C-alpha cells in the first residue's frame, strides 16, 4: 500500500488500484462524485459513518493536486 497523503492510499489489490481513503475501500472518486452531485459533507458522513470530515478534505486536496500537476506537465510539454 502506498500512502499518497496521510489519508489517501493506493493499493493495487483494493478497488483496482484507484486512490482510496485510508485503505477502507471508499475511493476518492466516489466522494468527489457525491460532492459533485450536490450531497453535503454532512450527508456523505451520515451515509458513510466510517468516513471523517478530514477524509473529505483530503479527497478535494488530492483532486486539486492531480489537476495542478496535470496542468503543469501539459504547460511544460508545449
N, C-alpha and C. Protein backbone atom coordinates (compact mmCIF):
# COMPACT_ATOMS: atom_id res chain seq x y z
N UNK A 1 0.84 -1.17 0.00
CA UNK A 1 0.00 0.00 0.00
C UNK A 1 0.89 1.24 0.00
N UNK A 2 0.57 2.16 -0.86
CA UNK A 2 1.29 3.42 -0.95
C UNK A 2 0.45 4.53 -0.34
N UNK A 3 1.06 5.31 0.52
CA UNK A 3 0.38 6.46 1.11
C UNK A 3 0.68 7.69 0.27
N UNK A 4 -0.35 8.24 -0.38
CA UNK A 4 -0.20 9.45 -1.17
C UNK A 4 -0.21 10.65 -0.23
N UNK A 5 -1.01 10.55 0.81
CA UNK A 5 -1.04 11.54 1.89
C UNK A 5 -1.37 10.77 3.16
N UNK A 6 -1.59 11.45 4.24
CA UNK A 6 -1.90 10.73 5.48
C UNK A 6 -3.27 10.04 5.42
N UNK A 7 -4.11 10.38 4.43
CA UNK A 7 -5.45 9.80 4.34
C UNK A 7 -5.74 9.12 3.01
N UNK A 8 -4.95 9.37 2.00
CA UNK A 8 -5.19 8.79 0.67
C UNK A 8 -4.16 7.70 0.40
N UNK A 9 -4.66 6.51 0.04
CA UNK A 9 -3.78 5.38 -0.21
C UNK A 9 -4.06 4.77 -1.58
N UNK A 10 -3.05 4.10 -2.11
CA UNK A 10 -3.21 3.35 -3.36
C UNK A 10 -2.67 1.94 -3.10
N UNK A 11 -3.54 0.97 -3.36
CA UNK A 11 -3.18 -0.43 -3.18
C UNK A 11 -3.73 -1.17 -4.39
N UNK A 12 -2.87 -1.79 -5.15
CA UNK A 12 -3.28 -2.50 -6.38
C UNK A 12 -4.32 -3.58 -6.09
N UNK A 13 -4.37 -4.07 -4.86
CA UNK A 13 -5.31 -5.14 -4.51
C UNK A 13 -6.67 -4.60 -4.08
N UNK A 14 -6.81 -3.30 -3.99
CA UNK A 14 -8.04 -2.68 -3.49
C UNK A 14 -8.60 -1.72 -4.52
N UNK A 15 -9.82 -1.92 -4.92
CA UNK A 15 -10.52 -1.03 -5.87
C UNK A 15 -9.72 -0.84 -7.17
N UNK A 16 -9.10 -1.92 -7.63
CA UNK A 16 -8.33 -1.90 -8.87
C UNK A 16 -7.23 -0.84 -8.88
N UNK A 17 -6.67 -0.56 -7.72
CA UNK A 17 -5.56 0.38 -7.63
C UNK A 17 -5.96 1.84 -7.65
N UNK A 18 -7.25 2.11 -7.59
CA UNK A 18 -7.70 3.51 -7.56
C UNK A 18 -7.42 4.10 -6.18
N UNK A 19 -7.17 5.39 -6.09
CA UNK A 19 -6.92 6.02 -4.79
C UNK A 19 -8.12 5.85 -3.86
N UNK A 20 -7.86 5.40 -2.65
CA UNK A 20 -8.91 5.20 -1.65
C UNK A 20 -8.59 6.00 -0.40
N UNK A 21 -9.59 6.07 0.45
CA UNK A 21 -9.44 6.77 1.72
C UNK A 21 -8.98 5.77 2.78
N UNK A 22 -7.80 5.97 3.29
CA UNK A 22 -7.23 5.16 4.37
C UNK A 22 -7.35 3.67 4.13
N UNK A 23 -7.36 3.25 2.87
CA UNK A 23 -7.39 1.83 2.57
C UNK A 23 -8.67 1.12 2.97
N UNK A 24 -9.78 1.87 3.13
CA UNK A 24 -11.03 1.25 3.60
C UNK A 24 -11.97 0.90 2.46
N UNK A 25 -11.57 1.10 1.23
CA UNK A 25 -12.40 0.67 0.11
C UNK A 25 -13.38 1.71 -0.40
N UNK A 26 -13.30 2.92 0.09
CA UNK A 26 -14.10 4.02 -0.46
C UNK A 26 -13.13 4.87 -1.27
N UNK A 27 -13.42 5.01 -2.56
CA UNK A 27 -12.49 5.71 -3.43
C UNK A 27 -12.64 7.23 -3.32
N UNK A 28 -11.56 7.90 -3.67
CA UNK A 28 -11.58 9.36 -3.74
C UNK A 28 -12.63 9.79 -4.75
N UNK A 29 -12.70 9.09 -5.87
CA UNK A 29 -13.67 9.42 -6.92
C UNK A 29 -15.10 9.34 -6.40
N UNK A 30 -15.39 8.36 -5.57
CA UNK A 30 -16.75 8.21 -5.03
C UNK A 30 -17.13 9.44 -4.21
N UNK A 31 -16.24 9.88 -3.35
CA UNK A 31 -16.52 11.05 -2.52
C UNK A 31 -16.69 12.29 -3.40
N UNK A 32 -15.82 12.45 -4.39
CA UNK A 32 -15.93 13.61 -5.29
C UNK A 32 -17.24 13.56 -6.09
N UNK A 33 -17.66 12.37 -6.49
CA UNK A 33 -18.93 12.22 -7.21
C UNK A 33 -20.11 12.64 -6.34
N UNK A 34 -20.08 12.26 -5.07
CA UNK A 34 -21.14 12.70 -4.15
C UNK A 34 -21.17 14.22 -4.06
N UNK A 35 -20.01 14.83 -3.89
CA UNK A 35 -19.94 16.29 -3.79
C UNK A 35 -20.46 16.94 -5.07
N UNK A 36 -20.04 16.41 -6.21
CA UNK A 36 -20.46 16.97 -7.50
C UNK A 36 -21.97 16.83 -7.69
N UNK A 37 -22.54 15.74 -7.16
CA UNK A 37 -23.99 15.52 -7.28
C UNK A 37 -24.80 16.44 -6.35
N UNK A 38 -24.09 17.16 -5.48
CA UNK A 38 -24.78 18.10 -4.60
C UNK A 38 -24.98 17.63 -3.18
N UNK A 39 -24.45 16.44 -2.85
CA UNK A 39 -24.56 15.96 -1.47
C UNK A 39 -23.70 16.84 -0.57
N UNK A 40 -24.22 17.13 0.60
CA UNK A 40 -23.44 17.93 1.56
C UNK A 40 -22.44 17.02 2.27
N UNK A 41 -21.47 17.65 2.89
CA UNK A 41 -20.50 16.89 3.68
C UNK A 41 -21.22 16.08 4.76
N UNK A 42 -22.23 16.70 5.37
CA UNK A 42 -22.97 16.03 6.43
C UNK A 42 -23.69 14.80 5.90
N UNK A 43 -24.26 14.88 4.70
CA UNK A 43 -24.95 13.73 4.11
C UNK A 43 -23.96 12.60 3.82
N UNK A 44 -22.82 12.97 3.28
CA UNK A 44 -21.80 11.95 2.97
C UNK A 44 -21.35 11.26 4.25
N UNK A 45 -21.09 12.03 5.28
CA UNK A 45 -20.63 11.45 6.55
C UNK A 45 -21.72 10.60 7.20
N UNK A 46 -22.97 11.01 7.07
CA UNK A 46 -24.08 10.23 7.64
C UNK A 46 -24.26 8.90 6.90
N UNK A 47 -24.07 8.93 5.58
CA UNK A 47 -24.23 7.71 4.78
C UNK A 47 -23.03 6.77 4.85
N UNK A 48 -21.89 7.31 5.26
CA UNK A 48 -20.66 6.52 5.36
C UNK A 48 -20.00 6.82 6.71
N UNK A 49 -20.52 6.23 7.79
CA UNK A 49 -20.03 6.57 9.13
C UNK A 49 -18.55 6.31 9.36
N UNK A 50 -17.94 5.49 8.52
CA UNK A 50 -16.51 5.21 8.66
C UNK A 50 -15.66 6.41 8.23
N UNK A 51 -16.25 7.31 7.46
CA UNK A 51 -15.52 8.50 7.00
C UNK A 51 -15.47 9.57 8.08
N UNK A 52 -14.44 10.38 8.01
CA UNK A 52 -14.26 11.51 8.90
C UNK A 52 -14.22 12.78 8.06
N UNK A 53 -14.57 13.92 8.65
CA UNK A 53 -14.56 15.17 7.87
C UNK A 53 -13.22 15.42 7.16
N UNK A 54 -12.13 15.05 7.80
CA UNK A 54 -10.81 15.25 7.20
C UNK A 54 -10.61 14.40 5.94
N UNK A 55 -11.34 13.29 5.85
CA UNK A 55 -11.26 12.45 4.65
C UNK A 55 -11.81 13.19 3.43
N UNK A 56 -12.90 13.90 3.63
CA UNK A 56 -13.49 14.66 2.52
C UNK A 56 -12.53 15.77 2.10
N UNK A 57 -11.95 16.46 3.06
CA UNK A 57 -10.95 17.49 2.74
C UNK A 57 -9.79 16.89 1.95
N UNK A 58 -9.34 15.72 2.36
CA UNK A 58 -8.21 15.08 1.69
C UNK A 58 -8.55 14.72 0.25
N UNK A 59 -9.79 14.33 0.00
CA UNK A 59 -10.21 14.00 -1.37
C UNK A 59 -10.15 15.23 -2.26
N UNK A 60 -10.65 16.34 -1.76
CA UNK A 60 -10.63 17.58 -2.55
C UNK A 60 -9.19 18.03 -2.78
N UNK A 61 -8.37 17.98 -1.75
CA UNK A 61 -6.96 18.36 -1.89
C UNK A 61 -6.24 17.45 -2.89
N UNK A 62 -6.54 16.16 -2.85
CA UNK A 62 -5.93 15.22 -3.77
C UNK A 62 -6.32 15.56 -5.21
N UNK A 63 -7.60 15.81 -5.44
CA UNK A 63 -8.06 16.16 -6.79
C UNK A 63 -7.39 17.44 -7.28
N UNK A 64 -7.27 18.42 -6.43
CA UNK A 64 -6.60 19.66 -6.83
C UNK A 64 -5.13 19.43 -7.15
N UNK A 65 -4.48 18.60 -6.37
CA UNK A 65 -3.06 18.35 -6.63
C UNK A 65 -2.87 17.61 -7.94
N UNK A 66 -3.75 16.67 -8.25
CA UNK A 66 -3.66 15.95 -9.52
C UNK A 66 -3.90 16.92 -10.67
N UNK A 67 -4.91 17.75 -10.55
CA UNK A 67 -5.21 18.73 -11.59
C UNK A 67 -4.06 19.70 -11.79
N UNK A 68 -3.53 20.21 -10.71
CA UNK A 68 -2.41 21.15 -10.82
C UNK A 68 -1.19 20.48 -11.44
N UNK A 69 -0.92 19.24 -11.10
CA UNK A 69 0.20 18.52 -11.69
C UNK A 69 -0.01 18.32 -13.19
N UNK A 70 -1.22 17.93 -13.58
CA UNK A 70 -1.52 17.70 -14.99
C UNK A 70 -1.35 18.98 -15.79
N UNK A 71 -1.81 20.09 -15.25
CA UNK A 71 -1.67 21.35 -15.96
C UNK A 71 -0.21 21.76 -16.07
N UNK A 72 0.55 21.53 -15.03
CA UNK A 72 1.97 21.86 -15.06
C UNK A 72 2.69 21.03 -16.11
N UNK A 73 2.42 19.75 -16.16
CA UNK A 73 3.05 18.87 -17.14
C UNK A 73 2.69 19.29 -18.55
N UNK A 74 1.44 19.58 -18.80
CA UNK A 74 0.99 19.97 -20.12
C UNK A 74 1.67 21.28 -20.54
N UNK A 75 1.76 22.24 -19.65
CA UNK A 75 2.36 23.51 -19.96
C UNK A 75 3.84 23.34 -20.34
N UNK A 76 4.53 22.48 -19.63
CA UNK A 76 5.94 22.27 -19.91
C UNK A 76 6.14 21.53 -21.23
N UNK A 77 5.19 20.71 -21.60
CA UNK A 77 5.33 19.90 -22.80
C UNK A 77 5.11 20.70 -24.09
N UNK A 78 4.45 21.84 -24.00
CA UNK A 78 4.16 22.61 -25.21
C UNK A 78 5.25 23.58 -25.54
